Amino acid sequence: FLLQSNVSQPRFNPRSAGALAQLRRQAYPGVELVARDAPLSPEA
């Protein structure tokens, strides 16, 4: 899994913020979180 995971507005997306915290805790091999803290550039 390759998942873009930046939550730009957590207060409007509380369930997504919770899901991201869960994915970070699980830290499964084969699951990569991309752009956790900021949006991606167009090229990225």
PDB file of all heavy atoms in Angstrom:
ATOM      1  N   PHE A   1       0.840  -1.193   0.000  1.00  0.00           N
ATOM      2  CA  PHE A   1       0.000   0.000   0.000  1.00  0.00           C
ATOM      3  C   PHE A   1       0.880   1.251   0.000  1.00  0.00           C
ATOM      4  O   PHE A   1       1.844   1.344   0.773  1.00  0.00           O
ATOM      5  CB  PHE A   1      -0.911   0.018   1.229  1.00  0.00           C
ATOM      6  CG  PHE A   1      -2.095  -0.884   1.123  1.00  0.00           C
ATOM      7  CD1 PHE A   1      -2.012  -2.213   1.522  1.00  0.00           C
ATOM      8  CD2 PHE A   1      -3.294  -0.418   0.609  1.00  0.00           C
ATOM      9  CE1 PHE A   1      -3.103  -3.063   1.424  1.00  0.00           C
ATOM     10  CE2 PHE A   1      -4.398  -1.250   0.505  1.00  0.00           C
ATOM     11  CZ  PHE A   1      -4.300  -2.577   0.912  1.00  0.00           C
ATOM     12  N   LEU A   2       0.539   2.191  -0.870  1.00  0.00           N
ATOM     13  CA  LEU A   2       1.225   3.481  -0.959  1.00  0.00           C
ATOM     14  C   LEU A   2       0.156   4.550  -0.792  1.00  0.00           C
ATOM     15  O   LEU A   2      -0.643   4.808  -1.703  1.00  0.00           O
ATOM     16  CB  LEU A   2       1.912   3.596  -2.319  1.00  0.00           C
ATOM     17  CG  LEU A   2       2.926   4.717  -2.531  1.00  0.00           C
ATOM     18  CD1 LEU A   2       4.056   4.636  -1.516  1.00  0.00           C
ATOM     19  CD2 LEU A   2       3.478   4.665  -3.958  1.00  0.00           C
ATOM     20  N   LEU A   3       0.095   5.168   0.392  1.00  0.00           N
ATOM     21  CA  LEU A   3      -1.045   6.007   0.769  1.00  0.00           C
ATOM     22  C   LEU A   3      -0.619   7.446   1.022  1.00  0.00           C
ATOM     23  O   LEU A   3       0.202   7.721   1.913  1.00  0.00           O
ATOM     24  CB  LEU A   3      -1.701   5.462   2.045  1.00  0.00           C
ATOM     25  CG  LEU A   3      -2.013   3.952   2.064  1.00  0.00           C
ATOM     26  CD1 LEU A   3      -2.578   3.564   3.417  1.00  0.00           C
ATOM     27  CD2 LEU A   3      -2.958   3.583   0.938  1.00  0.00           C
ATOM     28  N   GLN A   4      -1.164   8.375   0.224  1.00  0.00           N
ATOM     29  CA  GLN A   4      -0.975   9.788   0.550  1.00  0.00           C
ATOM     30  C   GLN A   4      -1.803  10.084   1.799  1.00  0.00           C
ATOM     31  O   GLN A   4      -3.004   9.814   1.828  1.00  0.00           O
ATOM     32  CB  GLN A   4      -1.419  10.680  -0.608  1.00  0.00           C
ATOM     33  CG  GLN A   4      -1.154  12.157  -0.347  1.00  0.00           C
ATOM     34  CD  GLN A   4      -1.483  13.042  -1.544  1.00  0.00           C
ATOM     35  OE1 GLN A   4      -1.605  12.557  -2.670  1.00  0.00           O
ATOM     36  NE2 GLN A   4      -1.623  14.334  -1.300  1.00  0.00           N
ATOM     37  N   SER A   5      -1.186  10.653   2.818  1.00  0.00           N
ATOM     38  CA  SER A   5      -1.841  10.668   4.129  1.00  0.00           C
ATOM     39  C   SER A   5      -1.831  12.023   4.814  1.00  0.00           C
ATOM     40  O   SER A   5      -1.971  12.099   6.037  1.00  0.00           O
ATOM     41  CB  SER A   5      -1.175   9.629   5.047  1.00  0.00           C
ATOM     42  OG  SER A   5       0.220   9.833   5.098  1.00  0.00           O
ATOM     43  N   ASN A   6      -1.649  13.113   4.084  1.00  0.00           N
ATOM     44  CA  ASN A   6      -1.695  14.429   4.733  1.00  0.00           C
ATOM     45  C   ASN A   6      -3.146  14.846   4.982  1.00  0.00           C
ATOM     46  O   ASN A   6      -3.977  14.833   4.072  1.00  0.00           O
ATOM     47  CB  ASN A   6      -0.982  15.477   3.884  1.00  0.00           C
ATOM     48  CG  ASN A   6      -1.509  15.581   2.468  1.00  0.00           C
ATOM     49  OD1 ASN A   6      -1.445  14.616   1.707  1.00  0.00           O
ATOM     50  ND2 ASN A   6      -2.043  16.737   2.116  1.00  0.00           N
ATOM     51  N   VAL A   7      -3.455  15.184   6.222  1.00  0.00           N
ATOM     52  CA  VAL A   7      -4.785  15.670   6.612  1.00  0.00           C
ATOM     53  C   VAL A   7      -4.639  17.180   6.817  1.00  0.00           C
ATOM     54  O   VAL A   7      -4.181  17.638   7.861  1.00  0.00           O
ATOM     55  CB  VAL A   7      -5.288  14.990   7.899  1.00  0.00           C
ATOM     56  CG1 VAL A   7      -6.720  15.409   8.198  1.00  0.00           C
ATOM     57  CG2 VAL A   7      -5.198  13.480   7.776  1.00  0.00           C
ATOM     58  N   SER A   8      -5.043  17.957   5.828  1.00  0.00           N
ATOM     59  CA  SER A   8      -4.778  19.396   5.891  1.00  0.00           C
ATOM     60  C   SER A   8      -5.689  20.109   6.893  1.00  0.00           C
ATOM     61  O   SER A   8      -5.299  21.125   7.459  1.00  0.00           O
ATOM     62  CB  SER A   8      -4.940  20.020   4.500  1.00  0.00           C
ATOM     63  OG  SER A   8      -6.274  19.879   4.040  1.00  0.00           O
ATOM     64  N   GLN A   9      -6.883  19.580   7.117  1.00  0.00           N
ATOM     65  CA  GLN A   9      -7.827  20.226   8.032  1.00  0.00           C
ATOM     66  C   GLN A   9      -8.426  19.164   8.958  1.00  0.00           C
ATOM     67  O   GLN A   9      -9.561  18.732   8.775  1.00  0.00           O
ATOM     68  CB  GLN A   9      -8.931  20.947   7.250  1.00  0.00           C
ATOM     69  CG  GLN A   9      -8.404  22.107   6.398  1.00  0.00           C
ATOM     70  CD  GLN A   9      -9.521  22.784   5.629  1.00  0.00           C
ATOM     71  OE1 GLN A   9     -10.306  22.134   4.950  1.00  0.00           O
ATOM     72  NE2 GLN A   9      -9.604  24.097   5.746  1.00  0.00           N
ATOM     73  N   PRO A  10      -7.673  18.765   9.985  1.00  0.00           N
ATOM     74  CA  PRO A  10      -8.145  17.677  10.857  1.00  0.00           C
ATOM     75  C   PRO A  10      -9.483  17.954  11.523  1.00  0.00           C
ATOM     76  O   PRO A  10     -10.278  17.022  11.723  1.00  0.00           O
ATOM     77  CB  PRO A  10      -7.020  17.575  11.896  1.00  0.00           C
ATOM     78  CG  PRO A  10      -5.813  18.143  11.221  1.00  0.00           C
ATOM     79  CD  PRO A  10      -6.329  19.220  10.334  1.00  0.00           C
ATOM     80  N   ARG A  11      -9.787  19.208  11.843  1.00  0.00           N
ATOM     81  CA  ARG A  11     -11.049  19.473  12.530  1.00  0.00           C
ATOM     82  C   ARG A  11     -12.251  19.239  11.631  1.00  0.00           C
ATOM     83  O   ARG A  11     -13.357  18.992  12.119  1.00  0.00           O
ATOM     84  CB  ARG A  11     -11.075  20.896  13.094  1.00  0.00           C
ATOM     85  CG  ARG A  11     -11.115  22.014  12.077  1.00  0.00           C
ATOM     86  CD  ARG A  11     -10.866  23.350  12.764  1.00  0.00           C
ATOM     87  NE  ARG A  11     -10.949  24.478  11.854  1.00  0.00           N
ATOM     88  CZ  ARG A  11     -12.011  25.263  11.744  1.00  0.00           C
ATOM     89  NH1 ARG A  11     -13.077  25.025  12.503  1.00  0.00           N
ATOM     90  NH2 ARG A  11     -12.028  26.276  10.912  1.00  0.00           N
ATOM     91  N   PHE A  12     -12.040  19.314  10.304  1.00  0.00           N
ATOM     92  CA  PHE A  12     -13.118  19.000   9.369  1.00  0.00           C
ATOM     93  C   PHE A  12     -13.074  17.548   8.903  1.00  0.00           C
ATOM     94  O   PHE A  12     -13.988  17.090   8.230  1.00  0.00           O
ATOM     95  CB  PHE A  12     -13.060  19.933   8.157  1.00  0.00           C
ATOM     96  CG  PHE A  12     -13.288  21.374   8.495  1.00  0.00           C
ATOM     97  CD1 PHE A  12     -12.308  22.324   8.242  1.00  0.00           C
ATOM     98  CD2 PHE A  12     -14.467  21.790   9.095  1.00  0.00           C
ATOM     99  CE1 PHE A  12     -12.506  23.654   8.555  1.00  0.00           C
ATOM    100  CE2 PHE A  12     -14.679  23.128   9.411  1.00  0.00           C
ATOM    101  CZ  PHE A  12     -13.692  24.055   9.150  1.00  0.00           C
ATOM    102  N   ASN A  13     -11.998  16.847   9.247  1.00  0.00           N
ATOM    103  CA  ASN A  13     -11.834  15.449   8.850  1.00  0.00           C
ATOM    104  C   ASN A  13     -11.377  14.624  10.051  1.00  0.00           C
ATOM    105  O   ASN A  13     -10.306  13.989  10.020  1.00  0.00           O
ATOM    106  CB  ASN A  13     -10.815  15.339   7.710  1.00  0.00           C
ATOM    107  CG  ASN A  13     -11.266  16.044   6.449  1.00  0.00           C
ATOM    108  OD1 ASN A  13     -12.056  15.520   5.669  1.00  0.00           O
ATOM    109  ND2 ASN A  13     -10.765  17.253   6.243  1.00  0.00           N
ATOM    110  N   PRO A  14     -12.176  14.605  11.118  1.00  0.00           N
ATOM    111  CA  PRO A  14     -11.736  13.931  12.344  1.00  0.00           C
ATOM    112  C   PRO A  14     -11.557  12.426  12.173  1.00  0.00           C
ATOM    113  O   PRO A  14     -10.650  11.833  12.771  1.00  0.00           O
ATOM    114  CB  PRO A  14     -12.861  14.247  13.337  1.00  0.00           C
ATOM    115  CG  PRO A  14     -14.067  14.535  12.485  1.00  0.00           C
ATOM    116  CD  PRO A  14     -13.525  15.209  11.258  1.00  0.00           C
ATOM    117  N   ARG A  15     -12.400  11.797  11.366  1.00  0.00           N
ATOM    118  CA  ARG A  15     -12.273  10.351  11.171  1.00  0.00           C
ATOM    119  C   ARG A  15     -10.995  10.015  10.403  1.00  0.00           C
ATOM    120  O   ARG A  15     -10.354   8.990  10.665  1.00  0.00           O
ATOM    121  CB  ARG A  15     -13.505   9.814  10.453  1.00  0.00           C
ATOM    122  CG  ARG A  15     -14.791   9.938  11.287  1.00  0.00           C
ATOM    123  CD  ARG A  15     -16.041   9.599  10.484  1.00  0.00           C
ATOM    124  NE  ARG A  15     -15.949   8.298   9.865  1.00  0.00           N
ATOM    125  CZ  ARG A  15     -16.144   8.057   8.570  1.00  0.00           C
ATOM    126  NH1 ARG A  15     -16.439   9.050   7.740  1.00  0.00           N
ATOM    127  NH2 ARG A  15     -16.057   6.842   8.088  1.00  0.00           N
ATOM    128  N   SER A  16     -10.608  10.880   9.468  1.00  0.00           N
ATOM    129  CA  SER A  16      -9.361  10.655   8.739  1.00  0.00           C
ATOM    130  C   SER A  16      -8.156  10.827   9.652  1.00  0.00           C
ATOM    131  O   SER A  16      -7.178  10.064   9.567  1.00  0.00           O
ATOM    132  CB  SER A  16      -9.262  11.617   7.550  1.00  0.00           C
ATOM    133  OG  SER A  16     -10.258  11.335   6.586  1.00  0.00           O
ATOM    134  N   ALA A  17      -8.206  11.831  10.526  1.00  0.00           N
ATOM    135  CA  ALA A  17      -7.116  12.022  11.482  1.00  0.00           C
ATOM    136  C   ALA A  17      -6.981  10.802  12.388  1.00  0.00           C
ATOM    137  O   ALA A  17      -5.866  10.346  12.692  1.00  0.00           O
ATOM    138  CB  ALA A  17      -7.358  13.287  12.306  1.00  0.00           C
ATOM    139  N   GLY A  18      -8.120  10.239  12.827  1.00  0.00           N
ATOM    140  CA  GLY A  18      -8.087   9.031  13.644  1.00  0.00           C
ATOM    141  C   GLY A  18      -7.540   7.838  12.885  1.00  0.00           C
ATOM    142  O   GLY A  18      -6.769   7.033  13.432  1.00  0.00           O
ATOM    143  N   ALA A  19      -7.930   7.711  11.609  1.00  0.00           N
ATOM    144  CA  ALA A  19      -7.443   6.598  10.790  1.00  0.00           C
ATOM    145  C   ALA A  19      -5.941   6.708  10.559  1.00  0.00           C
ATOM    146  O   ALA A  19      -5.220   5.694  10.581  1.00  0.00           O
ATOM    147  CB  ALA A  19      -8.185   6.570   9.456  1.00  0.00           C
ATOM    148  N   LEU A  20      -5.456   7.920  10.354  1.00  0.00           N
ATOM    149  CA  LEU A  20      -4.021   8.110  10.160  1.00  0.00           C
ATOM    150  C   LEU A  20      -3.253   7.733  11.421  1.00  0.00           C
ATOM    151  O   LEU A  20      -2.201   7.064  11.352  1.00  0.00           O
ATOM    152  CB  LEU A  20      -3.740   9.564   9.777  1.00  0.00           C
ATOM    153  CG  LEU A  20      -2.273   9.939   9.600  1.00  0.00           C
ATOM    154  CD1 LEU A  20      -1.598   9.057   8.556  1.00  0.00           C
ATOM    155  CD2 LEU A  20      -2.133  11.415   9.228  1.00  0.00           C
ATOM    156  N   ALA A  21      -3.755   8.142  12.592  1.00  0.00           N
ATOM    157  CA  ALA A  21      -3.104   7.764  13.852  1.00  0.00           C
ATOM    158  C   ALA A  21      -3.072   6.247  14.008  1.00  0.00           C
ATOM    159  O   ALA A  21      -2.066   5.672  14.471  1.00  0.00           O
ATOM    160  CB  ALA A  21      -3.831   8.414  15.029  1.00  0.00           C
ATOM    161  N   GLN A  22      -4.150   5.577  13.608  1.00  0.00           N
ATOM    162  CA  GLN A  22      -4.197   4.117  13.692  1.00  0.00           C
ATOM    163  C   GLN A  22      -3.168   3.475  12.768  1.00  0.00           C
ATOM    164  O   GLN A  22      -2.463   2.530  13.155  1.00  0.00           O
ATOM    165  CB  GLN A  22      -5.599   3.624  13.348  1.00  0.00           C
ATOM    166  CG  GLN A  22      -5.781   2.117  13.449  1.00  0.00           C
ATOM    167  CD  GLN A  22      -7.201   1.687  13.113  1.00  0.00           C
ATOM    168  OE1 GLN A  22      -8.107   2.525  13.000  1.00  0.00           O
ATOM    169  NE2 GLN A  22      -7.395   0.386  12.939  1.00  0.00           N
ATOM    170  N   LEU A  23      -3.049   3.982  11.545  1.00  0.00           N
ATOM    171  CA  LEU A  23      -2.084   3.438  10.603  1.00  0.00           C
ATOM    172  C   LEU A  23      -0.653   3.646  11.091  1.00  0.00           C
ATOM    173  O   LEU A  23       0.220   2.782  10.903  1.00  0.00           O
ATOM    174  CB  LEU A  23      -2.270   4.088   9.230  1.00  0.00           C
ATOM    175  CG  LEU A  23      -3.561   3.718   8.471  1.00  0.00           C
ATOM    176  CD1 LEU A  23      -3.730   4.593   7.245  1.00  0.00           C
ATOM    177  CD2 LEU A  23      -3.545   2.247   8.071  1.00  0.00           C
ATOM    178  N   ARG A  24      -0.409   4.784  11.712  1.00  0.00           N
ATOM    179  CA  ARG A  24       0.937   5.028  12.242  1.00  0.00           C
ATOM    180  C   ARG A  24       1.266   4.078  13.385  1.00  0.00           C
ATOM    181  O   ARG A  24       2.410   3.608  13.512  1.00  0.00           O
ATOM    182  CB  ARG A  24       1.046   6.484  12.695  1.00  0.00           C
ATOM    183  CG  ARG A  24       1.151   7.479  11.546  1.00  0.00           C
ATOM    184  CD  ARG A  24       1.152   8.912  12.052  1.00  0.00           C
ATOM    185  NE  ARG A  24       1.520   9.845  10.994  1.00  0.00           N
ATOM    186  CZ  ARG A  24       1.470  11.174  11.109  1.00  0.00           C
ATOM    187  NH1 ARG A  24       1.053  11.717  12.255  1.00  0.00           N
ATOM    188  NH2 ARG A  24       1.830  11.937  10.113  1.00  0.00           N
ATOM    189  N   ARG A  25       0.279   3.787  14.221  1.00  0.00           N
ATOM    190  CA  ARG A  25       0.519   2.863  15.327  1.00  0.00           C
ATOM    191  C   ARG A  25       0.774   1.444  14.819  1.00  0.00           C
ATOM    192  O   ARG A  25       1.637   0.734  15.336  1.00  0.00           O
ATOM    193  CB  ARG A  25      -0.686   2.847  16.283  1.00  0.00           C
ATOM    194  CG  ARG A  25      -0.827   4.087  17.146  1.00  0.00           C
ATOM    195  CD  ARG A  25      -1.826   3.852  18.267  1.00  0.00           C
ATOM    196  NE  ARG A  25      -3.132   3.417  17.780  1.00  0.00           N
ATOM    197  CZ  ARG A  25      -4.127   4.244  17.482  1.00  0.00           C
ATOM    198  NH1 ARG A  25      -3.960   5.557  17.608  1.00  0.00           N
ATOM    199  NH2 ARG A  25      -5.286   3.768  17.063  1.00  0.00           N
ATOM    200  N   GLN A  26       0.033   1.040  13.815  1.00  0.00           N
ATOM    201  CA  GLN A  26       0.172  -0.327  13.306  1.00  0.00           C
ATOM    202  C   GLN A  26       1.509  -0.543  12.606  1.00  0.00           C
ATOM    203  O   GLN A  26       2.157  -1.574  12.785  1.00  0.00           O
ATOM    204  CB  GLN A  26      -0.982  -0.651  12.362  1.00  0.00           C
ATOM    205  CG  GLN A  26      -2.331  -0.773  13.067  1.00  0.00           C
ATOM    206  CD  GLN A  26      -3.497  -0.825  12.092  1.00  0.00           C
ATOM    207  OE1 GLN A  26      -3.390  -0.357  10.963  1.00  0.00           O
ATOM    208  NE2 GLN A  26      -4.619  -1.371  12.530  1.00  0.00           N
ATOM    209  N   ALA A  27       1.917   0.439  11.800  1.00  0.00           N
ATOM    210  CA  ALA A  27       3.221   0.398  11.121  1.00  0.00           C
ATOM    211  C   ALA A  27       3.492  -0.966  10.475  1.00  0.00           C
ATOM    212  O   ALA A  27       4.547  -1.576  10.667  1.00  0.00           O
ATOM    213  CB  ALA A  27       4.342   0.741  12.115  1.00  0.00           C
ATOM    214  N   TYR A  28       2.527  -1.451   9.717  1.00  0.00           N
ATOM    215  CA  TYR A  28       2.687  -2.744   9.068  1.00  0.00           C
ATOM    216  C   TYR A  28       3.734  -2.675   7.963  1.00  0.00           C
ATOM    217  O   TYR A  28       3.816  -1.672   7.231  1.00  0.00           O
ATOM    218  CB  TYR A  28       1.369  -3.206   8.456  1.00  0.00           C
ATOM    219  CG  TYR A  28       0.305  -3.599   9.457  1.00  0.00           C
ATOM    220  CD1 TYR A  28      -0.976  -3.094   9.360  1.00  0.00           C
ATOM    221  CD2 TYR A  28       0.587  -4.496  10.483  1.00  0.00           C
ATOM    222  CE1 TYR A  28      -1.964  -3.468  10.256  1.00  0.00           C
ATOM    223  CE2 TYR A  28      -0.391  -4.873  11.385  1.00  0.00           C
ATOM    224  CZ  TYR A  28      -1.652  -4.352  11.274  1.00  0.00           C
ATOM    225  OH  TYR A  28      -2.613  -4.726  12.176  1.00  0.00           O
ATOM    226  N   PRO A  29       4.521  -3.714   7.781  1.00  0.00           N
ATOM    227  CA  PRO A  29       5.385  -3.766   6.590  1.00  0.00           C
ATOM    228  C   PRO A  29       4.500  -3.870   5.349  1.00  0.00           C
ATOM    229  O   PRO A  29       3.453  -4.508   5.360  1.00  0.00           O
ATOM    230  CB  PRO A  29       6.195  -5.053   6.799  1.00  0.00           C
ATOM    231  CG  PRO A  29       5.367  -5.885   7.724  1.00  0.00           C
ATOM    232  CD  PRO A  29       4.653  -4.923   8.624  1.00  0.00           C
ATOM    233  N   GLY A  30       4.944  -3.200   4.304  1.00  0.00           N
ATOM    234  CA  GLY A  30       4.143  -3.205   3.087  1.00  0.00           C
ATOM    235  C   GLY A  30       3.101  -2.104   3.042  1.00  0.00           C
ATOM    236  O   GLY A  30       2.307  -2.044   2.105  1.00  0.00           O
ATOM    237  N   VAL A  31       3.095  -1.222   4.060  1.00  0.00           N
ATOM    238  CA  VAL A  31       2.178  -0.073   4.079  1.00  0.00           C
ATOM    239  C   VAL A  31       3.020   1.177   4.256  1.00  0.00           C
ATOM    240  O   VAL A  31       3.609   1.411   5.310  1.00  0.00           O
ATOM    241  CB  VAL A  31       1.142  -0.183   5.212  1.00  0.00           C
ATOM    242  CG1 VAL A  31       0.238   1.053   5.222  1.00  0.00           C
ATOM    243  CG2 VAL A  31       0.319  -1.463   5.051  1.00  0.00           C
ATOM    244  N   GLU A  32       3.109   1.981   3.200  1.00  0.00           N
ATOM    245  CA  GLU A  32       3.924   3.200   3.229  1.00  0.00           C
ATOM    246  C   GLU A  32       3.023   4.425   3.222  1.00  0.00           C
ATOM    247  O   GLU A  32       2.164   4.573   2.346  1.00  0.00           O
ATOM    248  CB  GLU A  32       4.865   3.234   2.020  1.00  0.00           C
ATOM    249  CG  GLU A  32       5.773   4.457   2.007  1.00  0.00           C
ATOM    250  CD  GLU A  32       6.713   4.489   0.808  1.00  0.00           C
ATOM    251  OE1 GLU A  32       6.757   3.480   0.065  1.00  0.00           O
ATOM    252  OE2 GLU A  32       7.387   5.519   0.607  1.00  0.00           O
ATOM    253  N   LEU A  33       3.218   5.315   4.195  1.00  0.00           N
ATOM    254  CA  LEU A  33       2.473   6.566   4.285  1.00  0.00           C
ATOM    255  C   LEU A  33       3.309   7.681   3.671  1.00  0.00           C
ATOM    256  O   LEU A  33       4.435   7.938   4.102  1.00  0.00           O
ATOM    257  CB  LEU A  33       2.145   6.887   5.744  1.00  0.00           C
ATOM    258  CG  LEU A  33       1.354   5.812   6.507  1.00  0.00           C
ATOM    259  CD1 LEU A  33       1.121   6.246   7.949  1.00  0.00           C
ATOM    260  CD2 LEU A  33       0.026   5.532   5.818  1.00  0.00           C
ATOM    261  N   VAL A  34       2.758   8.326   2.675  1.00  0.00           N
ATOM    262  CA  VAL A  34       3.459   9.369   1.938  1.00  0.00           C
ATOM    263  C   VAL A  34       2.865  10.719   2.290  1.00  0.00           C
ATOM    264  O   VAL A  34       1.651  10.842   2.479  1.00  0.00           O
ATOM    265  CB  VAL A  34       3.352   9.121   0.417  1.00  0.00           C
ATOM    266  CG1 VAL A  34       4.099  10.187  -0.360  1.00  0.00           C
ATOM    267  CG2 VAL A  34       3.871   7.741   0.071  1.00  0.00           C
ATOM    268  N   ALA A  35       3.712  11.741   2.373  1.00  0.00           N
ATOM    269  CA  ALA A  35       3.258  13.119   2.619  1.00  0.00           C
ATOM    270  C   ALA A  35       2.426  13.207   3.888  1.00  0.00           C
ATOM    271  O   ALA A  35       1.309  13.706   3.880  1.00  0.00           O
ATOM    272  CB  ALA A  35       2.469  13.650   1.422  1.00  0.00           C
ATOM    273  N   ARG A  36       2.982  12.746   5.004  1.00  0.00           N
ATOM    274  CA  ARG A  36       2.223  12.734   6.250  1.00  0.00           C
ATOM    275  C   ARG A  36       1.871  14.129   6.738  1.00  0.00           C
ATOM    276  O   ARG A  36       0.805  14.333   7.321  1.00  0.00           O
ATOM    277  CB  ARG A  36       3.028  12.025   7.344  1.00  0.00           C
ATOM    278  CG  ARG A  36       3.312  10.557   7.070  1.00  0.00           C
ATOM    279  CD  ARG A  36       3.949   9.933   8.284  1.00  0.00           C
ATOM    280  NE  ARG A  36       4.360   8.552   8.051  1.00  0.00           N
ATOM    281  CZ  ARG A  36       4.758   7.738   9.011  1.00  0.00           C
ATOM    282  NH1 ARG A  36       4.808   8.174  10.253  1.00  0.00           N
ATOM    283  NH2 ARG A  36       5.129   6.507   8.736  1.00  0.00           N
ATOM    284  N   ASP A  37       2.773  15.084   6.530  1.00  0.00           N
ATOM    285  CA  ASP A  37       2.611  16.395   7.160  1.00  0.00           C
ATOM    286  C   ASP A  37       2.387  17.547   6.191  1.00  0.00           C
ATOM    287  O   ASP A  37       2.129  18.667   6.621  1.00  0.00           O
ATOM    288  CB  ASP A  37       3.854  16.698   8.021  1.00  0.00           C
ATOM    289  CG  ASP A  37       4.094  15.623   9.063  1.00  0.00           C
ATOM    290  OD1 ASP A  37       3.118  15.250   9.749  1.00  0.00           O
ATOM    291  OD2 ASP A  37       5.240  15.150   9.167  1.00  0.00           O
ATOM    292  N   ALA A  38       2.493  17.314   4.898  1.00  0.00           N
ATOM    293  CA  ALA A  38       2.348  18.401   3.933  1.00  0.00           C
ATOM    294  C   ALA A  38       1.903  17.826   2.596  1.00  0.00           C
ATOM    295  O   ALA A  38       2.161  16.653   2.300  1.00  0.00           O
ATOM    296  CB  ALA A  38       3.671  19.160   3.774  1.00  0.00           C
ATOM    297  N   PRO A  39       1.228  18.630   1.780  1.00  0.00           N
ATOM    298  CA  PRO A  39       0.819  18.146   0.454  1.00  0.00           C
ATOM    299  C   PRO A  39       2.026  17.826  -0.414  1.00  0.00           C
ATOM    300  O   PRO A  39       3.142  18.296  -0.175  1.00  0.00           O
ATOM    301  CB  PRO A  39       0.016  19.323  -0.117  1.00  0.00           C
ATOM    302  CG  PRO A  39      -0.346  20.160   1.061  1.00  0.00           C
ATOM    303  CD  PRO A  39       0.748  19.996   2.058  1.00  0.00           C
ATOM    304  N   LEU A  40       1.797  17.031  -1.444  1.00  0.00           N
ATOM    305  CA  LEU A  40       2.844  16.700  -2.398  1.00  0.00           C
ATOM    306  C   LEU A  40       2.967  17.782  -3.461  1.00  0.00           C
ATOM    307  O   LEU A  40       1.992  18.440  -3.818  1.00  0.00           O
ATOM    308  CB  LEU A  40       2.521  15.365  -3.079  1.00  0.00           C
ATOM    309  CG  LEU A  40       2.522  14.110  -2.201  1.00  0.00           C
ATOM    310  CD1 LEU A  40       1.967  12.932  -2.994  1.00  0.00           C
ATOM    311  CD2 LEU A  40       3.915  13.805  -1.690  1.00  0.00           C
ATOM    312  N   SER A  41       4.154  17.949  -3.990  1.00  0.00           N
ATOM    313  CA  SER A  41       4.338  18.804  -5.162  1.00  0.00           C
ATOM    314  C   SER A  41       3.679  18.118  -6.357  1.00  0.00           C
ATOM    315  O   SER A  41       3.444  16.905  -6.339  1.00  0.00           O
ATOM    316  CB  SER A  41       5.824  18.999  -5.436  1.00  0.00           C
ATOM    317  OG  SER A  41       6.411  17.771  -5.846  1.00  0.00           O
ATOM    318  N   PRO A  42       3.373  18.875  -7.413  1.00  0.00           N
ATOM    319  CA  PRO A  42       2.781  18.226  -8.597  1.00  0.00           C
ATOM    320  C   PRO A  42       3.639  17.089  -9.138  1.00  0.00           C
ATOM    321  O   PRO A  42       3.117  16.047  -9.539  1.00  0.00           O
ATOM    322  CB  PRO A  42       2.668  19.380  -9.604  1.00  0.00           C
ATOM    323  CG  PRO A  42       2.548  20.605  -8.751  1.00  0.00           C
ATOM    324  CD  PRO A  42       3.413  20.343  -7.559  1.00  0.00           C
ATOM    325  N   GLU A  43       4.958  17.275  -9.125  1.00  0.00           N
ATOM    326  CA  GLU A  43       5.833  16.231  -9.653  1.00  0.00           C
ATOM    327  C   GLU A  43       5.782  14.981  -8.771  1.00  0.00           C
ATOM    328  O   GLU A  43       5.698  13.854  -9.271  1.00  0.00           O
ATOM    329  CB  GLU A  43       7.269  16.761  -9.740  1.00  0.00           C
ATOM    330  CG  GLU A  43       7.479  17.852 -10.777  1.00  0.00           C
ATOM    331  CD  GLU A  43       6.915  19.204 -10.349  1.00  0.00           C
ATOM    332  OE1 GLU A  43       6.675  19.393  -9.125  1.00  0.00           O
ATOM    333  OE2 GLU A  43       6.704  20.054 -11.226  1.00  0.00           O
ATOM    334  N   ALA A  44       5.826  15.176  -7.440  1.00  0.00           N
ATOM    335  CA  ALA A  44       5.774  14.034  -6.524  1.00  0.00           C
ATOM    336  C   ALA A  44       4.416  13.344  -6.587  1.00  0.00           C
ATOM    337  O   ALA A  44       4.331  12.111  -6.507  1.00  0.00           O
ATOM    338  CB  ALA A  44       6.082  14.496  -5.102  1.00  0.00           C
TER     339      ALA A  44
END
